[in-house]
Structure formats: C-alpha cells, structure tokens
Amino acid sequence: MIPEHLRQVADGVVAAAEKDPRVLAVVVGGSVASGTSDEYSDLDLVIVCTAEGQPGCLAEAEEFAGRVGPLLASFTGEHVGEPRLLIALFGPPLIHVDLKFVTPDGLRTRVEDGVVLWQRDDTVDRVRRDSTAAWPQVDAQWIEDRFWVWVHYTAVKVARGELFEAIDALGMIRAAALAPLATLGRTSRPAGVRRLETLAPELLPEFSATVATADADDCLRALRAAVDVYREVRGDQVVRRTAAEEAVVEFLRAS
C-alpha cells in the first residue's frame, strides 16, 4: 500500500515507534490511505501517543524524526493552527512527511480514519468504534455572508496600491469561496483549489481570469472576474446578501 518512494521512511517511523513505549500506533492518511497517491505524494502520518506521554513526544518530535532517516529540515505546524504537527523534509531523495502526535482522545476528532501501519494494542480500534471521522464540508451560506466583504477589502487594497496584498486576497477568495463552490458535489473531501483542474475542468478559463499580475488595472479585472465566477457557482440555496452585493459591485464598477 505504501508507495515505493515512501516505504523506507514509513518503515523507519514504525521502527522508531516500536521502540518508544509512549507510542501506541502509527496511522497513515492522505492520498496513501485513499489509494490515490502518485510519485509526488507526501506521507501523512498520525502518531498516537499515551495521554501522559504525548507532551514529551511533542517536545522530542524532531529527535524522533531524526531517528527515522536523513532529516534535512523540520518545523512545527503552528502556522496552520496545528501545534501537534511536525512537518519534515527527508532525503535525498526528497520526501515530505507530516507527523502529527495525538492522544487517543485527540484521535476522536479526525477528518479521516486512515490505515493503521502498526499498533501496540487495540486503542485505535476502540476509538474508531465510538467516534466517526468527518471531513469539513462546504458551507455556502458561510461563504455568502463573507464574500462581499472580501471583495470590498480586496478592491481597497488595489486602490491603495497594495497590489501584492490584493493578489494574495484573490488567491484566498479562490481557495475559500470559488473553488469549494465549484467543486461542491464533485468530491467528498473539498480542499480549496486542490485538484480543481480535474474536478471542474470546464471552469478553468473562468478561474484563470481571476489570476492577476502586479498591475492595478489587472487586479481589478481579476477581481471582477472573481465576482462573475462566484455568481455562476453560488447556487440558489443561500440567503443572498443583496444589499451588500449591490453596493460592493457598484464600488467595484466605479473603481
């Protein structure tokens, strides 16, 4: 099941886990678990630790990774809101590995079940019996409630000449609003713009138009294109913020 280019590191994690009495199981997730991995896939691993042992495991996460193989660089995942995560680069050959150190109780809140590579006891099985994995789903109303504020904010950035911030804001709008709505019903695991090219290929010209260069006029063009895409993919199952929409569209027209 583990792709050949990831096997050595996966085996190294299991070997290190077996020697650490604080570790109860190693679970692989992501594309490897779903059977969709390719030669570019990384390795997403959950390291299940005892409740009393997890703080020490987290403190020694880099040392743990160093026992797995040739560790080139690593850092914790506070920037993505996940301090239990160690993001590591091994190699050569270069392999990206995510190691998340969780307690059995922490395993109850999860986006996927994954596949158990090794376990010391039946802890993972017991947790899975009385809890359910749930991938976050798209909330179209949540997006509608925010979309026009985001558009106005981006337009103001353009007006101020803060073009790179405007470009970043356009990327956020694509990832947080346009792509999730465009792929709604086409995947059970929505993830921003990931795999947009294969999930909604007919919309690629419209999405390409939302990409801007560092030019004020081009940023405004791309922002108007983003509004057009949103209106196309928004659907009819939301309470529309019509007053905000009309005011922001007029502001954008006059910009």
Protein backbone atom coordinates (compact mmCIF):
# COMPACT_ATOMS: atom_id res chain seq x y z
CA MET A 1 0.00 0.00 0.00
CA ILE A 2 2.87 2.38 0.78
CA PRO A 3 4.36 3.68 -2.49
CA GLU A 4 7.92 2.56 -3.08
CA HIS A 5 9.40 6.06 -2.76
CA LEU A 6 7.83 6.46 0.70
CA ARG A 7 8.36 2.95 2.03
CA GLN A 8 11.75 3.45 3.65
CA VAL A 9 10.61 6.46 5.67
CA ALA A 10 7.33 4.78 6.64
CA ASP A 11 9.23 1.71 7.83
CA GLY A 12 11.59 3.99 9.76
CA VAL A 13 8.69 5.68 11.55
CA VAL A 14 7.21 2.33 12.53
CA ALA A 15 10.61 1.11 13.79
CA ALA A 16 11.05 4.25 15.88
CA ALA A 17 7.50 3.94 17.24
CA GLU A 18 8.02 0.32 18.28
CA LYS A 19 10.99 1.35 20.44
CA ASP A 20 9.11 4.19 22.19
CA PRO A 21 6.72 2.89 24.90
CA ARG A 22 4.81 6.19 24.77
CA VAL A 23 3.69 5.46 21.19
CA LEU A 24 0.61 3.29 20.70
CA ALA A 25 0.08 3.33 16.93
CA VAL A 26 1.11 4.74 13.57
CA VAL A 27 -1.69 5.58 11.13
CA VAL A 28 -1.21 6.73 7.54
CA GLY A 29 -3.71 9.11 5.94
CA GLY A 30 -3.99 11.33 2.89
CA SER A 31 -3.57 10.06 -0.64
CA VAL A 32 -1.71 6.95 0.50
CA ALA A 33 -4.68 5.81 2.60
CA SER A 34 -7.19 6.66 -0.11
CA GLY A 35 -5.21 4.85 -2.81
CA THR A 36 -4.72 7.98 -4.92
CA SER A 37 -1.02 8.59 -4.31
CA ASP A 38 1.48 9.15 -7.09
CA GLU A 39 5.22 9.68 -7.39
CA TYR A 40 4.86 13.22 -5.98
CA SER A 41 2.78 12.29 -2.93
CA ASP A 42 3.97 13.07 0.57
CA LEU A 43 3.46 10.95 3.68
CA ASP A 44 0.79 11.95 6.22
CA LEU A 45 1.26 10.04 9.47
CA VAL A 46 -0.60 10.20 12.78
CA ILE A 47 1.45 9.06 15.76
CA VAL A 48 -0.94 8.01 18.54
CA CYS A 49 0.66 8.52 21.95
CA THR A 50 -0.40 7.85 25.51
CA ALA A 51 -2.03 10.87 27.17
CA GLU A 52 0.78 11.21 29.68
CA GLY A 53 3.47 10.63 27.06
CA GLN A 54 2.26 13.00 24.34
CA PRO A 55 3.83 16.20 25.75
CA GLY A 56 7.21 14.51 25.79
CA CYS A 57 6.69 13.11 22.30
CA LEU A 58 5.89 16.59 21.03
CA ALA A 59 8.91 18.09 22.76
CA GLU A 60 11.11 15.41 21.19
CA ALA A 61 9.37 15.32 17.79
CA GLU A 62 12.42 16.49 15.87
CA GLU A 63 14.59 13.92 17.65
CA PHE A 64 12.02 11.24 16.78
CA ALA A 65 12.14 12.29 13.12
CA GLY A 66 15.93 12.21 13.21
CA ARG A 67 15.80 8.53 14.14
CA VAL A 68 13.66 7.80 11.09
CA GLY A 69 16.10 8.78 8.36
CA PRO A 70 18.21 11.60 6.93
CA LEU A 71 16.30 14.65 8.26
CA LEU A 72 17.10 17.82 6.30
CA ALA A 73 14.67 20.29 7.89
CA SER A 74 11.63 20.33 10.16
CA PHE A 75 9.27 22.73 11.93
CA THR A 76 6.04 22.58 13.89
CA GLY A 77 2.65 23.45 12.44
CA GLU A 78 1.50 26.50 14.41
CA HIS A 79 1.21 28.45 11.15
CA VAL A 80 -1.62 26.13 10.09
CA GLY A 81 -3.16 26.03 13.56
CA GLU A 82 -1.78 22.57 14.36
CA PRO A 83 0.94 22.63 17.06
CA ARG A 84 0.78 18.82 17.29
CA LEU A 85 2.23 18.60 13.78
CA LEU A 86 5.87 18.27 12.76
CA ILE A 87 6.47 18.99 9.08
CA ALA A 88 9.67 17.33 7.93
CA LEU A 89 11.79 17.03 4.82
CA PHE A 90 13.92 13.90 4.45
CA GLY A 91 16.39 12.98 1.77
CA PRO A 92 17.85 12.56 -0.64
CA PRO A 93 15.68 11.53 -2.32
CA LEU A 94 13.49 14.36 -1.08
CA ILE A 95 10.41 13.22 0.83
CA HIS A 96 7.89 15.47 2.59
CA VAL A 97 6.46 13.90 5.74
CA ASP A 98 3.83 15.20 8.16
CA LEU A 99 3.96 13.67 11.64
CA LYS A 100 1.01 14.50 13.90
CA PHE A 101 1.35 13.43 17.54
CA VAL A 102 -2.10 12.91 19.08
CA THR A 103 -3.56 11.27 22.18
CA PRO A 104 -6.27 8.61 21.88
CA ASP A 105 -8.78 11.26 22.96
CA GLY A 106 -7.45 13.64 20.30
CA LEU A 107 -7.93 10.94 17.70
CA ARG A 108 -11.68 11.12 18.22
CA THR A 109 -11.80 14.39 16.26
CA ARG A 110 -10.42 13.48 12.86
CA VAL A 111 -11.10 14.09 9.17
CA GLU A 112 -10.35 10.52 8.07
CA ASP A 113 -9.75 7.08 9.53
CA GLY A 114 -6.58 6.31 7.62
CA VAL A 115 -4.85 2.93 7.62
CA VAL A 116 -3.08 1.52 10.66
CA LEU A 117 0.54 0.67 9.80
CA TRP A 118 1.38 -0.58 13.28
CA GLN A 119 -0.28 -0.63 16.71
CA ARG A 120 0.83 -1.73 20.14
CA ASP A 121 -2.71 -2.57 21.29
CA ASP A 122 -6.32 -2.03 20.22
CA THR A 123 -6.50 1.67 21.19
CA VAL A 124 -7.16 2.90 17.64
CA ASP A 125 -9.82 0.25 17.06
CA ARG A 126 -11.63 1.23 20.28
CA VAL A 127 -11.57 4.95 19.41
CA ARG A 128 -12.95 4.26 15.95
CA ARG A 129 -15.79 2.16 17.34
CA ASP A 130 -17.26 5.05 19.30
CA SER A 131 -16.40 8.06 17.11
CA THR A 132 -16.70 9.00 13.46
CA ALA A 133 -14.32 10.68 11.01
CA ALA A 134 -15.77 13.80 9.38
CA TRP A 135 -14.18 15.83 6.60
CA PRO A 136 -15.18 19.55 6.79
CA GLN A 137 -17.81 20.26 4.17
CA VAL A 138 -18.59 23.40 2.20
CA ASP A 139 -20.98 25.86 3.84
CA ALA A 140 -22.35 28.02 1.03
CA GLN A 141 -24.13 30.38 3.43
CA TRP A 142 -20.92 30.94 5.40
CA ILE A 143 -19.26 31.96 2.13
CA GLU A 144 -22.12 34.25 1.05
CA ASP A 145 -22.04 36.02 4.42
CA ARG A 146 -18.39 36.92 3.87
CA PHE A 147 -17.85 37.11 0.14
CA TRP A 148 -18.80 40.72 -0.49
CA VAL A 149 -16.74 41.93 2.45
CA TRP A 150 -13.75 40.11 0.99
CA VAL A 151 -14.30 41.68 -2.43
CA HIS A 152 -14.54 45.18 -0.97
CA TYR A 153 -11.42 44.60 1.12
CA THR A 154 -9.50 43.48 -1.97
CA ALA A 155 -10.69 46.44 -4.03
CA VAL A 156 -9.49 48.82 -1.33
CA LYS A 157 -6.09 47.15 -1.37
CA VAL A 158 -5.89 47.83 -5.11
CA ALA A 159 -6.93 51.45 -4.59
CA ARG A 160 -4.14 51.89 -2.05
CA GLY A 161 -1.60 50.43 -4.43
CA GLU A 162 -1.07 47.38 -2.19
CA LEU A 163 -1.06 45.09 -5.19
CA PHE A 164 0.68 42.08 -3.74
CA GLU A 165 -1.78 42.04 -0.85
CA ALA A 166 -4.58 42.24 -3.42
CA ILE A 167 -3.07 39.30 -5.31
CA ASP A 168 -2.91 37.31 -2.06
CA ALA A 169 -6.53 38.23 -1.32
CA LEU A 170 -7.59 36.99 -4.75
CA GLY A 171 -5.87 33.69 -4.01
CA MET A 172 -7.74 33.46 -0.72
CA ILE A 173 -11.05 34.15 -2.47
CA ARG A 174 -10.34 31.36 -4.96
CA ALA A 175 -9.41 28.89 -2.21
CA ALA A 176 -12.05 29.80 0.38
CA ALA A 177 -15.03 30.58 -1.84
CA LEU A 178 -14.83 29.95 -5.57
CA ALA A 179 -13.18 26.52 -5.69
CA PRO A 180 -15.20 24.99 -2.82
CA LEU A 181 -18.44 26.04 -4.50
CA ALA A 182 -17.27 24.99 -7.96
CA THR A 183 -16.40 21.50 -6.72
CA LEU A 184 -19.45 21.10 -4.48
CA GLY A 185 -20.89 17.62 -5.00
CA ARG A 186 -17.87 16.54 -7.05
CA THR A 187 -15.69 15.40 -4.15
CA SER A 188 -16.31 14.21 -0.61
CA ARG A 189 -13.07 15.86 0.52
CA PRO A 190 -13.11 19.51 -0.57
CA ALA A 191 -9.73 21.19 -0.12
CA GLY A 192 -9.64 24.67 -1.62
CA VAL A 193 -8.22 24.75 -5.13
CA ARG A 194 -6.60 21.33 -4.80
CA ARG A 195 -7.34 19.16 -7.84
CA LEU A 196 -9.55 21.90 -9.28
CA GLU A 197 -8.08 21.13 -12.70
CA THR A 198 -9.58 17.63 -12.69
CA LEU A 199 -12.69 18.29 -10.59
CA ALA A 200 -14.05 21.23 -12.61
CA PRO A 201 -12.11 21.37 -15.89
CA GLU A 202 -14.88 23.23 -17.70
CA LEU A 203 -14.38 26.23 -15.38
CA LEU A 204 -10.62 26.58 -15.83
CA PRO A 205 -10.86 29.53 -18.27
CA GLU A 206 -13.06 31.42 -15.80
CA PHE A 207 -10.74 30.62 -12.91
CA SER A 208 -7.68 31.59 -14.95
CA ALA A 209 -9.23 35.00 -15.40
CA THR A 210 -9.16 35.53 -11.62
CA VAL A 211 -5.35 35.40 -11.57
CA ALA A 212 -3.80 38.88 -11.58
CA THR A 213 -0.42 40.43 -12.23
CA ALA A 214 1.05 43.24 -10.10
CA ASP A 215 -0.86 45.90 -12.01
CA ALA A 216 -3.80 47.84 -10.57
CA ASP A 217 -5.99 47.56 -13.65
CA ASP A 218 -5.26 43.85 -13.94
CA CYS A 219 -6.07 43.28 -10.26
CA LEU A 220 -9.43 45.00 -10.73
CA ARG A 221 -10.08 42.94 -13.87
CA ALA A 222 -9.30 39.75 -11.97
CA LEU A 223 -11.50 40.80 -9.04
CA ARG A 224 -14.44 41.45 -11.36
CA ALA A 225 -13.80 38.03 -12.91
CA ALA A 226 -13.92 36.52 -9.42
CA VAL A 227 -17.33 38.12 -8.86
CA ASP A 228 -18.53 36.64 -12.14
CA VAL A 229 -17.31 33.16 -11.15
CA TYR A 230 -18.93 33.47 -7.73
CA ARG A 231 -22.28 34.41 -9.20
CA GLU A 232 -22.01 31.39 -11.51
CA VAL A 233 -21.19 28.84 -8.81
CA ARG A 234 -23.06 30.29 -5.83
CA GLY A 235 -26.25 28.36 -6.41
CA ASP A 236 -29.76 29.12 -5.15
CA GLN A 237 -29.66 27.54 -1.69
CA VAL A 238 -28.37 30.59 0.19
CA VAL A 239 -29.89 33.70 1.65
CA ARG A 240 -28.27 36.31 -0.56
CA ARG A 241 -26.79 39.44 0.97
CA THR A 242 -28.28 41.51 -1.83
CA ALA A 243 -27.69 44.95 -0.34
CA ALA A 244 -24.01 44.18 0.23
CA GLU A 245 -23.70 42.65 -3.23
CA GLU A 246 -25.21 45.64 -4.99
CA ALA A 247 -23.15 48.16 -3.02
CA VAL A 248 -19.86 46.31 -3.50
CA VAL A 249 -20.45 45.65 -7.19
CA GLU A 250 -21.13 49.36 -7.69
CA PHE A 251 -17.99 50.25 -5.73
CA LEU A 252 -16.01 47.87 -7.92
CA ARG A 253 -17.57 49.28 -11.09
CA ALA A 254 -16.54 52.78 -10.09
CA SER A 255 -13.01 51.78 -9.08
